[in-house]
Amino acid sequence: MSLNTFKLLAPAKINLFLHITGKREDGYHLLQSLMVFVDVGDEMEFSRHDSLFLDVDGPFAGDMPSPQDNLITKAAQLLAADYKTAPHGRVTLNKKLPVASGIAGGSSDAATALAGFAKLWGLPEEQHRLQKIAQKLGADVPACLLRKPVWAEGIGEKTTLLQEMPPLHFVLANPMVPTPTPEVFRRFRAKFSPPLQFSGRRKTASEWIASLKIYRNDLLDAAQEVTPQIRDVLNALGETPNCHFARLSGSGATCFGIYDYPESAMAAVNKLKQQYPRWWVSPATLLK
């Protein structure tokens, strides 16, 4: 692969917990969430091209919006406008993550597009400038640009980097039912959670897992209204050996189980794939 062609991972995001703390006058909900990124995601290949060209393949390519409506295209256009250049380059997206699944696939694609085009076009490494552009693409995109554990507040756009976390091992499972985020928030009727002060001062994986058990995902009931199969996924994950707990990520329908060792996670993956062959199931480890 030449210097003019390179690949980047657009990693999946997991909301280890998500509390809804209020609602703005414009209708957007306020939240607090611990977001992490894992070594599973979409793959994007960038190469030279005189015009802007997006090609999509992979197992979930058929579920993607048209290129002109895609966040990758919008990211390239916003980046080019900010740096006063013409958008150009070819991107091949290998869409490996389910669409509308609560793990920020589209947001991560957009963030990776910003980083990839900046590299392809030889732009200066100006993280603050890229963050401002990312905010225009969606609430999760700034966090996806960081690709590190973050404490997110506001509508998700206010992010604070946390200290490095120890390796955590997950199983991601999705019943293959699209769960649109706007519809989940529309159905949210629970009481708002009181705001938290979250420090993230834990050292070992055991300490992290023990502390995470006391939190929750406030969108669970609303998401289960939209996609009742989420209940089946959570039950199936929770019944796998050595699973500490199972929880919904984001607005769903992807759920995750958390394990001490990669071998335990892989055993759970094999069991779930055998029992539920139509589900999307994948092992995942915290991205370094």
C-alpha atoms as a PDB file:
ATOM      1  CA  MET A   1       0.000   0.000   0.000  1.00  0.00           C
ATOM      2  CA  SER A   2       1.506   3.343  -1.082  1.00  0.00           C
ATOM      3  CA  LEU A   3       1.887   6.422   1.077  1.00  0.00           C
ATOM      4  CA  ASN A   4      -1.044   7.870  -0.849  1.00  0.00           C
ATOM      5  CA  THR A   5      -3.313   5.023   0.264  1.00  0.00           C
ATOM      6  CA  PHE A   6      -3.976   4.106   3.882  1.00  0.00           C
ATOM      7  CA  LYS A   7      -6.573   2.428   6.069  1.00  0.00           C
ATOM      8  CA  LEU A   8      -8.156   3.585   9.328  1.00  0.00           C
ATOM      9  CA  LEU A   9     -10.473   1.851  11.775  1.00  0.00           C
ATOM     10  CA  ALA A  10     -13.713   3.634  12.665  1.00  0.00           C
ATOM     11  CA  PRO A  11     -14.191   2.004  16.073  1.00  0.00           C
ATOM     12  CA  ALA A  12     -17.489   1.160  17.715  1.00  0.00           C
ATOM     13  CA  LYS A  13     -18.426   3.197  20.772  1.00  0.00           C
ATOM     14  CA  ILE A  14     -19.907   1.658  23.908  1.00  0.00           C
ATOM     15  CA  ASN A  15     -21.847   3.663  26.463  1.00  0.00           C
ATOM     16  CA  LEU A  16     -20.802   1.857  29.638  1.00  0.00           C
ATOM     17  CA  PHE A  17     -23.665   3.744  31.247  1.00  0.00           C
ATOM     18  CA  LEU A  18     -25.973   6.561  30.180  1.00  0.00           C
ATOM     19  CA  HIS A  19     -28.027   8.760  32.499  1.00  0.00           C
ATOM     20  CA  ILE A  20     -30.559  11.319  31.232  1.00  0.00           C
ATOM     21  CA  THR A  21     -30.397  14.402  33.463  1.00  0.00           C
ATOM     22  CA  GLY A  22     -32.756  16.873  31.793  1.00  0.00           C
ATOM     23  CA  LYS A  23     -34.098  18.353  28.585  1.00  0.00           C
ATOM     24  CA  ARG A  24     -33.270  21.561  26.755  1.00  0.00           C
ATOM     25  CA  GLU A  25     -35.874  23.979  25.405  1.00  0.00           C
ATOM     26  CA  ASP A  26     -35.027  22.865  21.867  1.00  0.00           C
ATOM     27  CA  GLY A  27     -36.065  19.298  22.723  1.00  0.00           C
ATOM     28  CA  TYR A  28     -32.618  17.759  23.028  1.00  0.00           C
ATOM     29  CA  HIS A  29     -32.054  15.640  26.127  1.00  0.00           C
ATOM     30  CA  LEU A  30     -29.137  16.275  28.472  1.00  0.00           C
ATOM     31  CA  LEU A  31     -27.069  13.280  29.431  1.00  0.00           C
ATOM     32  CA  GLN A  32     -24.070  12.012  31.326  1.00  0.00           C
ATOM     33  CA  SER A  33     -22.278   8.991  29.938  1.00  0.00           C
ATOM     34  CA  LEU A  34     -19.019   7.092  30.103  1.00  0.00           C
ATOM     35  CA  MET A  35     -18.052   6.323  26.510  1.00  0.00           C
ATOM     36  CA  VAL A  36     -15.285   3.955  25.448  1.00  0.00           C
ATOM     37  CA  PHE A  37     -14.082   2.681  22.083  1.00  0.00           C
ATOM     38  CA  VAL A  38     -13.246  -0.874  21.110  1.00  0.00           C
ATOM     39  CA  ASP A  39     -11.174  -2.719  18.515  1.00  0.00           C
ATOM     40  CA  VAL A  40     -14.226  -3.592  16.405  1.00  0.00           C
ATOM     41  CA  GLY A  41     -15.579  -1.218  13.795  1.00  0.00           C
ATOM     42  CA  ASP A  42     -15.922  -0.148  10.196  1.00  0.00           C
ATOM     43  CA  GLU A  43     -12.805  -0.037   8.024  1.00  0.00           C
ATOM     44  CA  MET A  44     -12.063   2.953   5.800  1.00  0.00           C
ATOM     45  CA  GLU A  45      -9.471   3.117   3.031  1.00  0.00           C
ATOM     46  CA  PHE A  46      -8.395   6.567   1.783  1.00  0.00           C
ATOM     47  CA  SER A  47      -6.678   7.179  -1.543  1.00  0.00           C
ATOM     48  CA  ARG A  48      -5.963   9.965  -4.000  1.00  0.00           C
ATOM     49  CA  HIS A  49      -8.716  10.978  -6.409  1.00  0.00           C
ATOM     50  CA  ASP A  50      -9.353  14.207  -8.324  1.00  0.00           C
ATOM     51  CA  SER A  51     -12.947  14.476  -7.064  1.00  0.00           C
ATOM     52  CA  LEU A  52     -14.750  13.254  -3.964  1.00  0.00           C
ATOM     53  CA  PHE A  53     -15.781   9.641  -4.324  1.00  0.00           C
ATOM     54  CA  LEU A  54     -17.321   7.283  -1.755  1.00  0.00           C
ATOM     55  CA  ASP A  55     -17.605   3.549  -2.280  1.00  0.00           C
ATOM     56  CA  VAL A  56     -19.363   1.312   0.277  1.00  0.00           C
ATOM     57  CA  ASP A  57     -19.077  -2.446   0.650  1.00  0.00           C
ATOM     58  CA  GLY A  58     -19.188  -4.920   3.503  1.00  0.00           C
ATOM     59  CA  PRO A  59     -21.990  -6.870   5.211  1.00  0.00           C
ATOM     60  CA  PHE A  60     -24.110  -3.805   6.033  1.00  0.00           C
ATOM     61  CA  ALA A  61     -23.477  -1.735   2.896  1.00  0.00           C
ATOM     62  CA  GLY A  62     -27.082  -2.147   1.768  1.00  0.00           C
ATOM     63  CA  ASP A  63     -28.381  -0.371   4.871  1.00  0.00           C
ATOM     64  CA  MET A  64     -26.384   2.797   4.265  1.00  0.00           C
ATOM     65  CA  PRO A  65     -27.877   6.106   3.047  1.00  0.00           C
ATOM     66  CA  SER A  66     -26.986   7.384  -0.411  1.00  0.00           C
ATOM     67  CA  PRO A  67     -23.484   8.911  -0.748  1.00  0.00           C
ATOM     68  CA  GLN A  68     -24.789  12.476  -0.879  1.00  0.00           C
ATOM     69  CA  ASP A  69     -26.605  11.967   2.451  1.00  0.00           C
ATOM     70  CA  ASN A  70     -23.756  10.107   4.109  1.00  0.00           C
ATOM     71  CA  LEU A  71     -21.912  11.665   7.054  1.00  0.00           C
ATOM     72  CA  ILE A  72     -18.581  10.772   5.431  1.00  0.00           C
ATOM     73  CA  THR A  73     -19.395  12.980   2.456  1.00  0.00           C
ATOM     74  CA  LYS A  74     -20.641  15.757   4.753  1.00  0.00           C
ATOM     75  CA  ALA A  75     -17.453  15.518   6.834  1.00  0.00           C
ATOM     76  CA  ALA A  76     -15.290  15.925   3.730  1.00  0.00           C
ATOM     77  CA  GLN A  77     -17.327  18.917   2.554  1.00  0.00           C
ATOM     78  CA  LEU A  78     -17.218  20.668   5.943  1.00  0.00           C
ATOM     79  CA  LEU A  79     -13.487  20.039   6.316  1.00  0.00           C
ATOM     80  CA  ALA A  80     -12.779  21.355   2.817  1.00  0.00           C
ATOM     81  CA  ALA A  81     -14.899  24.469   3.408  1.00  0.00           C
ATOM     82  CA  ASP A  82     -13.134  25.204   6.709  1.00  0.00           C
ATOM     83  CA  TYR A  83      -9.694  24.919   5.105  1.00  0.00           C
ATOM     84  CA  LYS A  84     -10.831  26.600   1.880  1.00  0.00           C
ATOM     85  CA  THR A  85      -9.966  23.733  -0.424  1.00  0.00           C
ATOM     86  CA  ALA A  86     -11.917  21.535  -2.811  1.00  0.00           C
ATOM     87  CA  PRO A  87     -13.050  18.178  -1.372  1.00  0.00           C
ATOM     88  CA  HIS A  88     -11.276  15.329  -3.124  1.00  0.00           C
ATOM     89  CA  GLY A  89     -10.177  11.774  -2.540  1.00  0.00           C
ATOM     90  CA  ARG A  90     -11.633   8.274  -2.702  1.00  0.00           C
ATOM     91  CA  VAL A  91     -12.940   6.537   0.404  1.00  0.00           C
ATOM     92  CA  THR A  92     -13.879   2.878   0.466  1.00  0.00           C
ATOM     93  CA  LEU A  93     -15.997   2.088   3.512  1.00  0.00           C
ATOM     94  CA  ASN A  94     -16.162  -1.534   4.607  1.00  0.00           C
ATOM     95  CA  LYS A  95     -19.376  -1.349   6.637  1.00  0.00           C
ATOM     96  CA  LYS A  96     -18.987  -4.001   9.347  1.00  0.00           C
ATOM     97  CA  LEU A  97     -21.170  -2.468  12.071  1.00  0.00           C
ATOM     98  CA  PRO A  98     -24.978  -2.685  11.968  1.00  0.00           C
ATOM     99  CA  VAL A  99     -26.727   0.582  11.112  1.00  0.00           C
ATOM    100  CA  ALA A 100     -28.830   2.388  13.757  1.00  0.00           C
ATOM    101  CA  SER A 101     -27.485   0.100  16.472  1.00  0.00           C
ATOM    102  CA  GLY A 102     -26.427   2.358  19.357  1.00  0.00           C
ATOM    103  CA  ILE A 103     -22.661   2.028  18.911  1.00  0.00           C
ATOM    104  CA  ALA A 104     -22.076   5.253  16.936  1.00  0.00           C
ATOM    105  CA  GLY A 105     -21.193   3.596  13.639  1.00  0.00           C
ATOM    106  CA  GLY A 106     -22.152   6.624  11.552  1.00  0.00           C
ATOM    107  CA  SER A 107     -20.606   9.102  13.997  1.00  0.00           C
ATOM    108  CA  SER A 108     -17.370   7.122  14.120  1.00  0.00           C
ATOM    109  CA  ASP A 109     -17.296   6.976  10.307  1.00  0.00           C
ATOM    110  CA  ALA A 110     -17.685  10.781  10.225  1.00  0.00           C
ATOM    111  CA  ALA A 111     -14.941  11.353  12.796  1.00  0.00           C
ATOM    112  CA  THR A 112     -12.594   8.964  10.999  1.00  0.00           C
ATOM    113  CA  ALA A 113     -13.384  10.741   7.741  1.00  0.00           C
ATOM    114  CA  LEU A 114     -12.265  14.049   9.261  1.00  0.00           C
ATOM    115  CA  ALA A 115      -8.995  12.522  10.453  1.00  0.00           C
ATOM    116  CA  GLY A 116      -8.467  10.599   7.216  1.00  0.00           C
ATOM    117  CA  PHE A 117      -9.094  13.492   4.845  1.00  0.00           C
ATOM    118  CA  ALA A 118      -6.931  15.789   6.968  1.00  0.00           C
ATOM    119  CA  LYS A 119      -4.108  13.275   6.555  1.00  0.00           C
ATOM    120  CA  LEU A 120      -4.804  12.695   2.854  1.00  0.00           C
ATOM    121  CA  TRP A 121      -4.821  16.433   2.127  1.00  0.00           C
ATOM    122  CA  GLY A 122      -1.742  17.138   4.253  1.00  0.00           C
ATOM    123  CA  LEU A 123      -3.556  19.533   6.576  1.00  0.00           C
ATOM    124  CA  PRO A 124      -1.885  20.655   9.819  1.00  0.00           C
ATOM    125  CA  GLU A 125      -2.728  18.579  12.898  1.00  0.00           C
ATOM    126  CA  GLU A 126      -5.164  20.973  14.585  1.00  0.00           C
ATOM    127  CA  GLN A 127      -7.285  18.885  16.928  1.00  0.00           C
ATOM    128  CA  HIS A 128      -9.213  21.881  18.274  1.00  0.00           C
ATOM    129  CA  ARG A 129     -10.227  22.897  14.761  1.00  0.00           C
ATOM    130  CA  LEU A 130     -11.301  19.364  13.861  1.00  0.00           C
ATOM    131  CA  GLN A 131     -13.336  19.194  17.078  1.00  0.00           C
ATOM    132  CA  LYS A 132     -15.283  22.302  16.065  1.00  0.00           C
ATOM    133  CA  ILE A 133     -16.091  20.748  12.691  1.00  0.00           C
ATOM    134  CA  ALA A 134     -17.021  17.470  14.403  1.00  0.00           C
ATOM    135  CA  GLN A 135     -19.654  19.257  16.511  1.00  0.00           C
ATOM    136  CA  LYS A 136     -21.488  20.213  13.315  1.00  0.00           C
ATOM    137  CA  LEU A 137     -21.796  16.555  12.303  1.00  0.00           C
ATOM    138  CA  GLY A 138     -23.472  15.198  15.438  1.00  0.00           C
ATOM    139  CA  ALA A 139     -23.323  15.029  19.209  1.00  0.00           C
ATOM    140  CA  ASP A 140     -21.221  11.832  19.304  1.00  0.00           C
ATOM    141  CA  VAL A 141     -18.720  12.843  16.627  1.00  0.00           C
ATOM    142  CA  PRO A 142     -16.355  14.887  18.872  1.00  0.00           C
ATOM    143  CA  ALA A 143     -15.964  11.922  21.231  1.00  0.00           C
ATOM    144  CA  CYS A 144     -15.450   9.582  18.269  1.00  0.00           C
ATOM    145  CA  LEU A 145     -12.655  11.845  17.053  1.00  0.00           C
ATOM    146  CA  LEU A 146     -10.834  11.359  20.369  1.00  0.00           C
ATOM    147  CA  ARG A 147     -11.189   7.529  20.296  1.00  0.00           C
ATOM    148  CA  LYS A 148     -10.347   7.343  23.997  1.00  0.00           C
ATOM    149  CA  PRO A 149     -12.435   6.872  27.170  1.00  0.00           C
ATOM    150  CA  VAL A 150     -14.418  10.067  27.729  1.00  0.00           C
ATOM    151  CA  TRP A 151     -16.897  11.455  30.217  1.00  0.00           C
ATOM    152  CA  ALA A 152     -19.632  13.029  28.079  1.00  0.00           C
ATOM    153  CA  GLU A 153     -22.165  15.641  29.166  1.00  0.00           C
ATOM    154  CA  GLY A 154     -24.567  18.133  27.597  1.00  0.00           C
ATOM    155  CA  ILE A 155     -26.130  16.408  24.593  1.00  0.00           C
ATOM    156  CA  GLY A 156     -22.928  14.379  24.315  1.00  0.00           C
ATOM    157  CA  GLU A 157     -20.764  17.120  22.846  1.00  0.00           C
ATOM    158  CA  LYS A 158     -19.026  18.136  26.101  1.00  0.00           C
ATOM    159  CA  THR A 159     -16.243  15.622  26.558  1.00  0.00           C
ATOM    160  CA  THR A 160     -13.562  15.145  29.199  1.00  0.00           C
ATOM    161  CA  LEU A 161     -10.756  12.666  28.571  1.00  0.00           C
ATOM    162  CA  LEU A 162     -10.365  10.114  31.344  1.00  0.00           C
ATOM    163  CA  GLN A 163      -7.230   8.449  32.556  1.00  0.00           C
ATOM    164  CA  GLU A 164      -6.115   5.344  30.701  1.00  0.00           C
ATOM    165  CA  MET A 165      -8.317   2.380  31.532  1.00  0.00           C
ATOM    166  CA  PRO A 166      -7.180  -1.235  31.961  1.00  0.00           C
ATOM    167  CA  PRO A 167      -8.100  -3.843  29.336  1.00  0.00           C
ATOM    168  CA  LEU A 168     -11.811  -4.619  29.448  1.00  0.00           C
ATOM    169  CA  HIS A 169     -13.313  -7.440  27.409  1.00  0.00           C
ATOM    170  CA  PHE A 170     -16.784  -7.346  25.896  1.00  0.00           C
ATOM    171  CA  VAL A 171     -19.260  -9.257  23.801  1.00  0.00           C
ATOM    172  CA  LEU A 172     -21.444  -7.073  21.572  1.00  0.00           C
ATOM    173  CA  ALA A 173     -24.778  -8.504  20.448  1.00  0.00           C
ATOM    174  CA  ASN A 174     -27.502  -7.019  18.270  1.00  0.00           C
ATOM    175  CA  PRO A 175     -30.799  -8.692  17.267  1.00  0.00           C
ATOM    176  CA  MET A 176     -30.545  -7.110  13.801  1.00  0.00           C
ATOM    177  CA  VAL A 177     -33.481  -4.779  14.295  1.00  0.00           C
ATOM    178  CA  PRO A 178     -32.709  -1.113  13.462  1.00  0.00           C
ATOM    179  CA  THR A 179     -33.485   1.107  16.453  1.00  0.00           C
ATOM    180  CA  PRO A 180     -33.554   4.777  15.394  1.00  0.00           C
ATOM    181  CA  THR A 181     -32.226   7.087  18.093  1.00  0.00           C
ATOM    182  CA  PRO A 182     -34.864   9.859  17.590  1.00  0.00           C
ATOM    183  CA  GLU A 183     -37.678   7.366  18.132  1.00  0.00           C
ATOM    184  CA  VAL A 184     -36.103   6.067  21.355  1.00  0.00           C
ATOM    185  CA  PHE A 185     -35.721   9.576  22.768  1.00  0.00           C
ATOM    186  CA  ARG A 186     -39.299  10.394  21.709  1.00  0.00           C
ATOM    187  CA  ARG A 187     -40.530   7.525  23.879  1.00  0.00           C
ATOM    188  CA  PHE A 188     -38.390   8.398  26.895  1.00  0.00           C
ATOM    189  CA  ARG A 189     -40.742   9.183  29.796  1.00  0.00           C
ATOM    190  CA  ALA A 190     -38.731   8.204  32.872  1.00  0.00           C
ATOM    191  CA  LYS A 191     -37.725  10.627  35.608  1.00  0.00           C
ATOM    192  CA  PHE A 192     -34.502  12.493  35.031  1.00  0.00           C
ATOM    193  CA  SER A 193     -31.458  11.200  36.902  1.00  0.00           C
ATOM    194  CA  PRO A 194     -29.669  13.544  39.308  1.00  0.00           C
ATOM    195  CA  PRO A 195     -26.352  14.820  37.907  1.00  0.00           C
ATOM    196  CA  LEU A 196     -23.250  12.832  38.858  1.00  0.00           C
ATOM    197  CA  GLN A 197     -19.750  13.845  39.797  1.00  0.00           C
ATOM    198  CA  PHE A 198     -17.652  11.214  38.027  1.00  0.00           C
ATOM    199  CA  SER A 199     -13.892  11.054  38.542  1.00  0.00           C
ATOM    200  CA  GLY A 200     -12.891   7.818  36.840  1.00  0.00           C
ATOM    201  CA  ARG A 201     -10.223   7.194  39.471  1.00  0.00           C
ATOM    202  CA  ARG A 202     -10.070   3.411  39.319  1.00  0.00           C
ATOM    203  CA  LYS A 203      -6.990   1.349  38.584  1.00  0.00           C
ATOM    204  CA  THR A 204      -7.791  -2.315  38.014  1.00  0.00           C
ATOM    205  CA  ALA A 205     -10.333  -3.910  35.715  1.00  0.00           C
ATOM    206  CA  SER A 206     -12.059  -5.411  38.770  1.00  0.00           C
ATOM    207  CA  GLU A 207     -12.440  -1.968  40.341  1.00  0.00           C
ATOM    208  CA  TRP A 208     -13.906  -0.575  37.132  1.00  0.00           C
ATOM    209  CA  ILE A 209     -16.369  -3.439  36.710  1.00  0.00           C
ATOM    210  CA  ALA A 210     -17.500  -3.235  40.345  1.00  0.00           C
ATOM    211  CA  SER A 211     -18.103   0.513  40.073  1.00  0.00           C
ATOM    212  CA  LEU A 212     -19.947   0.280  36.753  1.00  0.00           C
ATOM    213  CA  LYS A 213     -22.541  -2.132  38.154  1.00  0.00           C
ATOM    214  CA  ILE A 214     -24.211   0.649  40.161  1.00  0.00           C
ATOM    215  CA  TYR A 215     -25.060   2.690  37.046  1.00  0.00           C
ATOM    216  CA  ARG A 216     -27.570   2.016  34.261  1.00  0.00           C
ATOM    217  CA  ASN A 217     -28.838   3.081  30.867  1.00  0.00           C
ATOM    218  CA  ASP A 218     -31.856   5.354  31.344  1.00  0.00           C
ATOM    219  CA  LEU A 219     -32.950   4.743  27.732  1.00  0.00           C
ATOM    220  CA  LEU A 220     -33.535   1.023  28.288  1.00  0.00           C
ATOM    221  CA  ASP A 221     -37.326   1.115  28.747  1.00  0.00           C
ATOM    222  CA  ALA A 222     -37.836   3.424  25.771  1.00  0.00           C
ATOM    223  CA  ALA A 223     -35.514   1.346  23.589  1.00  0.00           C
ATOM    224  CA  GLN A 224     -37.358  -1.847  24.536  1.00  0.00           C
ATOM    225  CA  GLU A 225     -40.628  -0.202  23.492  1.00  0.00           C
ATOM    226  CA  VAL A 226     -39.133   0.379  20.054  1.00  0.00           C
ATOM    227  CA  THR A 227     -37.310  -2.977  19.897  1.00  0.00           C
ATOM    228  CA  PRO A 228     -38.673  -5.582  22.337  1.00  0.00           C
ATOM    229  CA  GLN A 229     -35.969  -8.051  21.254  1.00  0.00           C
ATOM    230  CA  ILE A 230     -33.469  -6.064  23.358  1.00  0.00           C
ATOM    231  CA  ARG A 231     -34.806  -7.912  26.406  1.00  0.00           C
ATOM    232  CA  ASP A 232     -33.899 -11.246  24.789  1.00  0.00           C
ATOM    233  CA  VAL A 233     -30.379 -10.030  24.016  1.00  0.00           C
ATOM    234  CA  LEU A 234     -29.774  -8.832  27.569  1.00  0.00           C
ATOM    235  CA  ASN A 235     -31.060 -12.099  29.015  1.00  0.00           C
ATOM    236  CA  ALA A 236     -28.929 -14.190  26.652  1.00  0.00           C
ATOM    237  CA  LEU A 237     -25.768 -12.204  27.422  1.00  0.00           C
ATOM    238  CA  GLY A 238     -26.431 -12.299  31.148  1.00  0.00           C
ATOM    239  CA  GLU A 239     -26.736 -16.090  31.056  1.00  0.00           C
ATOM    240  CA  THR A 240     -23.323 -16.647  29.434  1.00  0.00           C
ATOM    241  CA  PRO A 241     -20.673 -17.963  31.847  1.00  0.00           C
ATOM    242  CA  ASN A 242     -18.450 -15.372  33.551  1.00  0.00           C
ATOM    243  CA  CYS A 243     -20.500 -12.352  32.401  1.00  0.00           C
ATOM    244  CA  HIS A 244     -20.346  -9.697  35.139  1.00  0.00           C
ATOM    245  CA  PHE A 245     -23.369  -7.819  33.781  1.00  0.00           C
ATOM    246  CA  ALA A 246     -25.159  -7.032  30.528  1.00  0.00           C
ATOM    247  CA  ARG A 247     -26.366  -3.596  29.504  1.00  0.00           C
ATOM    248  CA  LEU A 248     -27.754  -1.672  26.551  1.00  0.00           C
ATOM    249  CA  SER A 249     -25.347   0.639  24.714  1.00  0.00           C
ATOM    250  CA  GLY A 250     -26.647   4.065  23.725  1.00  0.00           C
ATOM    251  CA  SER A 251     -30.136   3.978  22.257  1.00  0.00           C
ATOM    252  CA  GLY A 252     -29.695   0.343  21.169  1.00  0.00           C
ATOM    253  CA  ALA A 253     -30.321  -2.225  20.003  1.00  0.00           C
ATOM    254  CA  THR A 254     -26.709  -3.343  20.566  1.00  0.00           C
ATOM    255  CA  CYS A 255     -26.103  -4.691  24.069  1.00  0.00           C
ATOM    256  CA  PHE A 256     -22.839  -5.666  25.705  1.00  0.00           C
ATOM    257  CA  GLY A 257     -21.648  -8.127  28.289  1.00  0.00           C
ATOM    258  CA  ILE A 258     -18.427  -7.553  30.183  1.00  0.00           C
ATOM    259  CA  TYR A 259     -15.897 -10.273  31.071  1.00  0.00           C
ATOM    260  CA  ASP A 260     -12.557 -10.659  32.845  1.00  0.00           C
ATOM    261  CA  TYR A 261     -10.735 -12.464  30.039  1.00  0.00           C
ATOM    262  CA  PRO A 262     -10.834 -12.571  26.218  1.00  0.00           C
ATOM    263  CA  GLU A 263     -11.250 -16.364  26.388  1.00  0.00           C
ATOM    264  CA  SER A 264     -14.469 -15.949  28.393  1.00  0.00           C
ATOM    265  CA  ALA A 265     -15.770 -13.405  25.886  1.00  0.00           C
ATOM    266  CA  MET A 266     -14.937 -15.668  22.939  1.00  0.00           C
ATOM    267  CA  ALA A 267     -16.704 -18.609  24.582  1.00  0.00           C
ATOM    268  CA  ALA A 268     -19.790 -16.423  24.997  1.00  0.00           C
ATOM    269  CA  VAL A 269     -19.598 -15.335  21.346  1.00  0.00           C
ATOM    270  CA  ASN A 270     -19.499 -18.956  20.176  1.00  0.00           C
ATOM    271  CA  LYS A 271     -22.455 -19.864  22.386  1.00  0.00           C
ATOM    272  CA  LEU A 272     -24.587 -16.920  21.229  1.00  0.00           C
ATOM    273  CA  LYS A 273     -23.799 -17.458  17.545  1.00  0.00           C
ATOM    274  CA  GLN A 274     -24.898 -21.064  17.873  1.00  0.00           C
ATOM    275  CA  GLN A 275     -28.100 -20.184  19.734  1.00  0.00           C
ATOM    276  CA  TYR A 276     -28.990 -17.043  17.736  1.00  0.00           C
ATOM    277  CA  PRO A 277     -27.477 -17.360  14.249  1.00  0.00           C
ATOM    278  CA  ARG A 278     -29.351 -14.301  12.942  1.00  0.00           C
ATOM    279  CA  TRP A 279     -27.913 -11.936  15.533  1.00  0.00           C
ATOM    280  CA  TRP A 280     -24.782  -9.871  14.999  1.00  0.00           C
ATOM    281  CA  VAL A 281     -22.349 -10.970  17.711  1.00  0.00           C
ATOM    282  CA  SER A 282     -18.717  -9.915  18.152  1.00  0.00           C
ATOM    283  CA  PRO A 283     -15.974  -9.985  20.777  1.00  0.00           C
ATOM    284  CA  ALA A 284     -14.393  -6.623  21.536  1.00  0.00           C
ATOM    285  CA  THR A 285     -11.577  -5.239  23.653  1.00  0.00           C
ATOM    286  CA  LEU A 286     -11.027  -1.692  24.845  1.00  0.00           C
ATOM    287  CA  LEU A 287      -9.099   0.249  22.191  1.00  0.00           C
ATOM    288  CA  LYS A 288      -5.597   1.317  23.299  1.00  0.00           C
END
